[in-house]
Each structure stands twice: as C-alpha cells, then as structure tokens.
C-alpha cells in the first residue's frame, strides 16, 4: 500500500461521516447534528476504524451508547 493511502482514507471517512450527520441520514436518535467528527483512524488492514467524536451539547444532554 502507498504511504499516503491510510491518511487519505482517514480524511475521506471523516468527511463522509460528517456529511451523513449533517444531512440527518443516520437513523439513530442518539446522533444529532450537534456532533463533530474529530478524527478517524483506520487499521492497516482496513478492517476496522475508530471514529472520535465530540458534542456541542452539555454532558447531561448527551446519551451514552
């Protein structure tokens, strides 16, 4: 694999997930438009990805899940 493939894929996934949240295409009631995707880390074998999110809502309003 090229040395830039994983970072490009991380950026692409972050952008795609952000757009899905913005367009309200995620049907999970815990996901609101007050979320931001901070970072995505794809594993070297491309089987897993960690998505780091933060919320603009107060901690009491955020539903854990």
PDB file of N, CA and C in Angstrom:
ATOM      1  N   UNK A   1       0.837  -1.184   0.000  1.00  0.00           N
ATOM      2  CA  UNK A   1       0.000   0.000   0.000  1.00  0.00           C
ATOM      3  C   UNK A   1       0.875   1.238   0.000  1.00  0.00           C
ATOM      4  N   UNK A   2       0.359   2.260  -0.641  1.00  0.00           N
ATOM      5  CA  UNK A   2       1.089   3.514  -0.650  1.00  0.00           C
ATOM      6  C   UNK A   2       1.119   4.143   0.727  1.00  0.00           C
ATOM      7  N   UNK A   3       2.129   4.951   0.960  1.00  0.00           N
ATOM      8  CA  UNK A   3       2.275   5.535   2.289  1.00  0.00           C
ATOM      9  C   UNK A   3       1.214   6.587   2.586  1.00  0.00           C
ATOM     10  N   UNK A   4       0.519   7.076   1.577  1.00  0.00           N
ATOM     11  CA  UNK A   4      -0.493   8.114   1.790  1.00  0.00           C
ATOM     12  C   UNK A   4      -1.914   7.569   1.747  1.00  0.00           C
ATOM     13  N   UNK A   5      -2.080   6.286   1.513  1.00  0.00           N
ATOM     14  CA  UNK A   5      -3.419   5.730   1.364  1.00  0.00           C
ATOM     15  C   UNK A   5      -4.222   5.802   2.664  1.00  0.00           C
ATOM     16  N   UNK A   6      -3.641   5.368   3.765  1.00  0.00           N
ATOM     17  CA  UNK A   6      -4.354   5.358   5.049  1.00  0.00           C
ATOM     18  C   UNK A   6      -4.733   6.774   5.480  1.00  0.00           C
ATOM     19  N   UNK A   7      -3.829   7.747   5.467  1.00  0.00           N
ATOM     20  CA  UNK A   7      -4.242   9.111   5.843  1.00  0.00           C
ATOM     21  C   UNK A   7      -5.333   9.680   4.928  1.00  0.00           C
ATOM     22  N   UNK A   8      -5.264   9.379   3.635  1.00  0.00           N
ATOM     23  CA  UNK A   8      -6.312   9.847   2.715  1.00  0.00           C
ATOM     24  C   UNK A   8      -7.642   9.195   3.039  1.00  0.00           C
ATOM     25  N   UNK A   9      -7.605   7.900   3.345  1.00  0.00           N
ATOM     26  CA  UNK A   9      -8.821   7.183   3.702  1.00  0.00           C
ATOM     27  C   UNK A   9      -9.397   7.706   5.014  1.00  0.00           C
ATOM     28  N   UNK A  10      -8.543   7.998   5.980  1.00  0.00           N
ATOM     29  CA  UNK A  10      -8.997   8.593   7.243  1.00  0.00           C
ATOM     30  C   UNK A  10      -9.742   9.900   6.985  1.00  0.00           C
ATOM     31  N   UNK A  11      -9.173  10.757   6.159  1.00  0.00           N
ATOM     32  CA  UNK A  11      -9.805  12.042   5.843  1.00  0.00           C
ATOM     33  C   UNK A  11     -11.114  11.848   5.086  1.00  0.00           C
ATOM     34  N   UNK A  12     -11.128  10.918   4.138  1.00  0.00           N
ATOM     35  CA  UNK A  12     -12.336  10.661   3.355  1.00  0.00           C
ATOM     36  C   UNK A  12     -13.467  10.155   4.245  1.00  0.00           C
ATOM     37  N   UNK A  13     -13.166   9.219   5.134  1.00  0.00           N
ATOM     38  CA  UNK A  13     -14.186   8.708   6.042  1.00  0.00           C
ATOM     39  C   UNK A  13     -14.699   9.792   6.980  1.00  0.00           C
ATOM     40  N   UNK A  14     -13.795  10.622   7.498  1.00  0.00           N
ATOM     41  CA  UNK A  14     -14.218  11.720   8.371  1.00  0.00           C
ATOM     42  C   UNK A  14     -15.188  12.637   7.641  1.00  0.00           C
ATOM     43  N   UNK A  15     -14.868  12.986   6.395  1.00  0.00           N
ATOM     44  CA  UNK A  15     -15.742  13.864   5.614  1.00  0.00           C
ATOM     45  C   UNK A  15     -17.088  13.209   5.322  1.00  0.00           C
ATOM     46  N   UNK A  16     -17.079  11.933   4.951  1.00  0.00           N
ATOM     47  CA  UNK A  16     -18.324  11.233   4.624  1.00  0.00           C
ATOM     48  C   UNK A  16     -19.226  11.095   5.844  1.00  0.00           C
ATOM     49  N   UNK A  17     -18.660  10.720   6.983  1.00  0.00           N
ATOM     50  CA  UNK A  17     -19.462  10.584   8.199  1.00  0.00           C
ATOM     51  C   UNK A  17     -20.010  11.939   8.622  1.00  0.00           C
ATOM     52  N   UNK A  18     -19.217  12.981   8.499  1.00  0.00           N
ATOM     53  CA  UNK A  18     -19.685  14.332   8.833  1.00  0.00           C
ATOM     54  C   UNK A  18     -20.857  14.732   7.952  1.00  0.00           C
ATOM     55  N   UNK A  19     -20.779  14.423   6.671  1.00  0.00           N
ATOM     56  CA  UNK A  19     -21.871  14.757   5.751  1.00  0.00           C
ATOM     57  C   UNK A  19     -23.131  13.953   6.072  1.00  0.00           C
ATOM     58  N   UNK A  20     -22.983  12.690   6.423  1.00  0.00           N
ATOM     59  CA  UNK A  20     -24.140  11.882   6.805  1.00  0.00           C
ATOM     60  C   UNK A  20     -24.835  12.463   8.030  1.00  0.00           C
ATOM     61  N   UNK A  21     -24.059  12.901   9.001  1.00  0.00           N
ATOM     62  CA  UNK A  21     -24.641  13.508  10.201  1.00  0.00           C
ATOM     63  C   UNK A  21     -25.313  14.827   9.849  1.00  0.00           C
ATOM     64  N   UNK A  22     -24.670  15.624   9.036  1.00  0.00           N
ATOM     65  CA  UNK A  22     -25.208  16.929   8.668  1.00  0.00           C
ATOM     66  C   UNK A  22     -26.530  16.805   7.911  1.00  0.00           C
ATOM     67  N   UNK A  23     -26.636  15.813   7.035  1.00  0.00           N
ATOM     68  CA  UNK A  23     -27.856  15.615   6.243  1.00  0.00           C
ATOM     69  C   UNK A  23     -28.898  14.781   6.978  1.00  0.00           C
ATOM     70  N   UNK A  24     -28.634  14.426   8.224  1.00  0.00           N
ATOM     71  CA  UNK A  24     -29.541  13.625   9.063  1.00  0.00           C
ATOM     72  C   UNK A  24     -29.897  12.296   8.415  1.00  0.00           C
ATOM     73  N   UNK A  25     -28.939  11.656   7.777  1.00  0.00           N
ATOM     74  CA  UNK A  25     -29.175  10.367   7.139  1.00  0.00           C
ATOM     75  C   UNK A  25     -28.920   9.195   8.077  1.00  0.00           C
ATOM     76  N   UNK A  26     -28.440   9.469   9.267  1.00  0.00           N
ATOM     77  CA  UNK A  26     -28.229   8.416  10.257  1.00  0.00           C
ATOM     78  C   UNK A  26     -29.493   8.331  11.093  1.00  0.00           C
ATOM     79  N   UNK A  27     -30.090   7.151  11.143  1.00  0.00           N
ATOM     80  CA  UNK A  27     -31.397   6.969  11.776  1.00  0.00           C
ATOM     81  C   UNK A  27     -31.311   6.598  13.253  1.00  0.00           C
ATOM     82  N   UNK A  28     -30.232   6.927  13.894  1.00  0.00           N
ATOM     83  CA  UNK A  28     -30.058   6.653  15.314  1.00  0.00           C
ATOM     84  C   UNK A  28     -30.455   7.908  16.092  1.00  0.00           C
ATOM     85  N   UNK A  29     -31.423   7.813  17.004  1.00  0.00           N
ATOM     86  CA  UNK A  29     -31.864   9.014  17.733  1.00  0.00           C
ATOM     87  C   UNK A  29     -30.789   9.616  18.635  1.00  0.00           C
ATOM     88  N   UNK A  30     -29.741   8.861  18.949  1.00  0.00           N
ATOM     89  CA  UNK A  30     -28.658   9.392  19.786  1.00  0.00           C
ATOM     90  C   UNK A  30     -27.725  10.304  19.013  1.00  0.00           C
ATOM     91  N   UNK A  31     -27.796  10.254  17.682  1.00  0.00           N
ATOM     92  CA  UNK A  31     -26.902  11.041  16.836  1.00  0.00           C
ATOM     93  C   UNK A  31     -27.622  12.317  16.422  1.00  0.00           C
ATOM     94  N   UNK A  32     -27.072  13.450  16.804  1.00  0.00           N
ATOM     95  CA  UNK A  32     -27.671  14.733  16.439  1.00  0.00           C
ATOM     96  C   UNK A  32     -26.682  15.532  15.599  1.00  0.00           C
ATOM     97  N   UNK A  33     -27.147  16.625  15.061  1.00  0.00           N
ATOM     98  CA  UNK A  33     -26.274  17.475  14.253  1.00  0.00           C
ATOM     99  C   UNK A  33     -25.319  18.283  15.126  1.00  0.00           C
ATOM    100  N   UNK A  34     -25.408  18.121  16.441  1.00  0.00           N
ATOM    101  CA  UNK A  34     -24.502  18.812  17.352  1.00  0.00           C
ATOM    102  C   UNK A  34     -23.238  17.999  17.622  1.00  0.00           C
ATOM    103  N   UNK A  35     -22.961  17.024  16.774  1.00  0.00           N
ATOM    104  CA  UNK A  35     -21.742  16.226  16.880  1.00  0.00           C
ATOM    105  C   UNK A  35     -20.732  16.695  15.854  1.00  0.00           C
ATOM    106  N   UNK A  36     -19.473  16.532  16.184  1.00  0.00           N
ATOM    107  CA  UNK A  36     -18.415  16.785  15.215  1.00  0.00           C
ATOM    108  C   UNK A  36     -17.470  15.589  15.224  1.00  0.00           C
ATOM    109  N   UNK A  37     -16.990  15.237  14.059  1.00  0.00           N
ATOM    110  CA  UNK A  37     -16.043  14.134  13.916  1.00  0.00           C
ATOM    111  C   UNK A  37     -14.642  14.723  14.021  1.00  0.00           C
ATOM    112  N   UNK A  38     -13.928  14.359  15.070  1.00  0.00           N
ATOM    113  CA  UNK A  38     -12.588  14.902  15.288  1.00  0.00           C
ATOM    114  C   UNK A  38     -11.534  14.185  14.468  1.00  0.00           C
ATOM    115  N   UNK A  39     -11.621  12.862  14.472  1.00  0.00           N
ATOM    116  CA  UNK A  39     -10.552  12.090  13.834  1.00  0.00           C
ATOM    117  C   UNK A  39     -11.070  10.697  13.516  1.00  0.00           C
ATOM    118  N   UNK A  40     -10.525  10.103  12.471  1.00  0.00           N
ATOM    119  CA  UNK A  40     -10.798   8.710  12.124  1.00  0.00           C
ATOM    120  C   UNK A  40      -9.456   8.014  11.974  1.00  0.00           C
ATOM    121  N   UNK A  41      -9.345   6.830  12.559  1.00  0.00           N
ATOM    122  CA  UNK A  41      -8.130   6.025  12.438  1.00  0.00           C
ATOM    123  C   UNK A  41      -8.509   4.664  11.875  1.00  0.00           C
ATOM    124  N   UNK A  42      -8.084   4.385  10.650  1.00  0.00           N
ATOM    125  CA  UNK A  42      -8.340   3.101  10.006  1.00  0.00           C
ATOM    126  C   UNK A  42      -7.159   2.182  10.297  1.00  0.00           C
ATOM    127  N   UNK A  43      -7.459   0.911  10.575  1.00  0.00           N
ATOM    128  CA  UNK A  43      -6.381  -0.052  10.825  1.00  0.00           C
ATOM    129  C   UNK A  43      -5.612  -0.317   9.534  1.00  0.00           C
ATOM    130  N   UNK A  44      -4.404  -0.835   9.668  1.00  0.00           N
ATOM    131  CA  UNK A  44      -3.556  -1.075   8.497  1.00  0.00           C
ATOM    132  C   UNK A  44      -4.156  -2.074   7.517  1.00  0.00           C
ATOM    133  N   UNK A  45      -4.954  -3.024   8.023  1.00  0.00           N
ATOM    134  CA  UNK A  45      -5.577  -3.993   7.126  1.00  0.00           C
ATOM    135  C   UNK A  45      -6.950  -3.520   6.626  1.00  0.00           C
ATOM    136  N   UNK A  46      -7.354  -2.303   6.981  1.00  0.00           N
ATOM    137  CA  UNK A  46      -8.602  -1.660   6.541  1.00  0.00           C
ATOM    138  C   UNK A  46      -9.855  -2.377   7.038  1.00  0.00           C
ATOM    139  N   UNK A  47      -9.737  -3.190   8.069  1.00  0.00           N
ATOM    140  CA  UNK A  47     -10.892  -3.923   8.571  1.00  0.00           C
ATOM    141  C   UNK A  47     -11.652  -3.154   9.642  1.00  0.00           C
ATOM    142  N   UNK A  48     -10.979  -2.264  10.336  1.00  0.00           N
ATOM    143  CA  UNK A  48     -11.586  -1.540  11.449  1.00  0.00           C
ATOM    144  C   UNK A  48     -11.263  -0.058  11.354  1.00  0.00           C
ATOM    145  N   UNK A  49     -12.146   0.728  11.948  1.00  0.00           N
ATOM    146  CA  UNK A  49     -11.892   2.165  12.030  1.00  0.00           C
ATOM    147  C   UNK A  49     -12.393   2.665  13.380  1.00  0.00           C
ATOM    148  N   UNK A  50     -11.621   3.524  13.997  1.00  0.00           N
ATOM    149  CA  UNK A  50     -12.045   4.212  15.217  1.00  0.00           C
ATOM    150  C   UNK A  50     -12.455   5.615  14.808  1.00  0.00           C
ATOM    151  N   UNK A  51     -13.629   6.023  15.268  1.00  0.00           N
ATOM    152  CA  UNK A  51     -14.139   7.352  14.954  1.00  0.00           C
ATOM    153  C   UNK A  51     -14.234   8.125  16.262  1.00  0.00           C
ATOM    154  N   UNK A  52     -13.536   9.240  16.334  1.00  0.00           N
ATOM    155  CA  UNK A  52     -13.520  10.083  17.526  1.00  0.00           C
ATOM    156  C   UNK A  52     -14.487  11.239  17.307  1.00  0.00           C
ATOM    157  N   UNK A  53     -15.449  11.364  18.209  1.00  0.00           N
ATOM    158  CA  UNK A  53     -16.467  12.401  18.080  1.00  0.00           C
ATOM    159  C   UNK A  53     -16.476  13.281  19.324  1.00  0.00           C
ATOM    160  N   UNK A  54     -17.000  14.476  19.159  1.00  0.00           N
ATOM    161  CA  UNK A  54     -17.259  15.347  20.300  1.00  0.00           C
ATOM    162  C   UNK A  54     -18.618  15.994  20.077  1.00  0.00           C
ATOM    163  N   UNK A  55     -19.195  16.464  21.160  1.00  0.00           N
ATOM    164  CA  UNK A  55     -20.541  17.016  21.108  1.00  0.00           C
ATOM    165  C   UNK A  55     -20.530  18.454  21.597  1.00  0.00           C
ATOM    166  N   UNK A  56     -21.413  19.243  21.017  1.00  0.00           N
ATOM    167  CA  UNK A  56     -21.584  20.620  21.458  1.00  0.00           C
ATOM    168  C   UNK A  56     -22.613  20.725  22.580  1.00  0.00           C
ATOM    169  N   UNK A  57     -23.284  19.615  22.889  1.00  0.00           N
ATOM    170  CA  UNK A  57     -24.289  19.613  23.942  1.00  0.00           C
ATOM    171  C   UNK A  57     -23.621  19.455  25.303  1.00  0.00           C
ATOM    172  N   UNK A  58     -24.337  19.862  26.340  1.00  0.00           N
ATOM    173  CA  UNK A  58     -23.839  19.683  27.703  1.00  0.00           C
ATOM    174  C   UNK A  58     -23.799  18.196  28.034  1.00  0.00           C
ATOM    175  N   UNK A  59     -22.919  17.808  28.942  1.00  0.00           N
ATOM    176  CA  UNK A  59     -22.759  16.399  29.296  1.00  0.00           C
ATOM    177  C   UNK A  59     -24.066  15.759  29.754  1.00  0.00           C
ATOM    178  N   UNK A  60     -24.913  16.502  30.428  1.00  0.00           N
ATOM    179  CA  UNK A  60     -26.174  15.954  30.917  1.00  0.00           C
ATOM    180  C   UNK A  60     -27.131  15.631  29.773  1.00  0.00           C
ATOM    181  N   UNK A  61     -26.964  16.290  28.623  1.00  0.00           N
ATOM    182  CA  UNK A  61     -27.859  16.070  27.494  1.00  0.00           C
ATOM    183  C   UNK A  61     -27.379  14.970  26.557  1.00  0.00           C
ATOM    184  N   UNK A  62     -26.154  14.534  26.712  1.00  0.00           N
ATOM    185  CA  UNK A  62     -25.582  13.525  25.822  1.00  0.00           C
ATOM    186  C   UNK A  62     -25.964  12.145  26.325  1.00  0.00           C
ATOM    187  N   UNK A  63     -26.500  11.321  25.419  1.00  0.00           N
ATOM    188  CA  UNK A  63     -26.872   9.956  25.767  1.00  0.00           C
ATOM    189  C   UNK A  63     -25.709   9.028  25.445  1.00  0.00           C
ATOM    190  N   UNK A  64     -25.282   8.279  26.433  1.00  0.00           N
ATOM    191  CA  UNK A  64     -24.175   7.339  26.229  1.00  0.00           C
ATOM    192  C   UNK A  64     -24.698   6.119  25.479  1.00  0.00           C
ATOM    193  N   UNK A  65     -23.824   5.576  24.626  1.00  0.00           N
ATOM    194  CA  UNK A  65     -24.262   4.370  23.920  1.00  0.00           C
ATOM    195  C   UNK A  65     -23.215   3.804  23.044  1.00  0.00           C
TER     196      UNK A  65
END
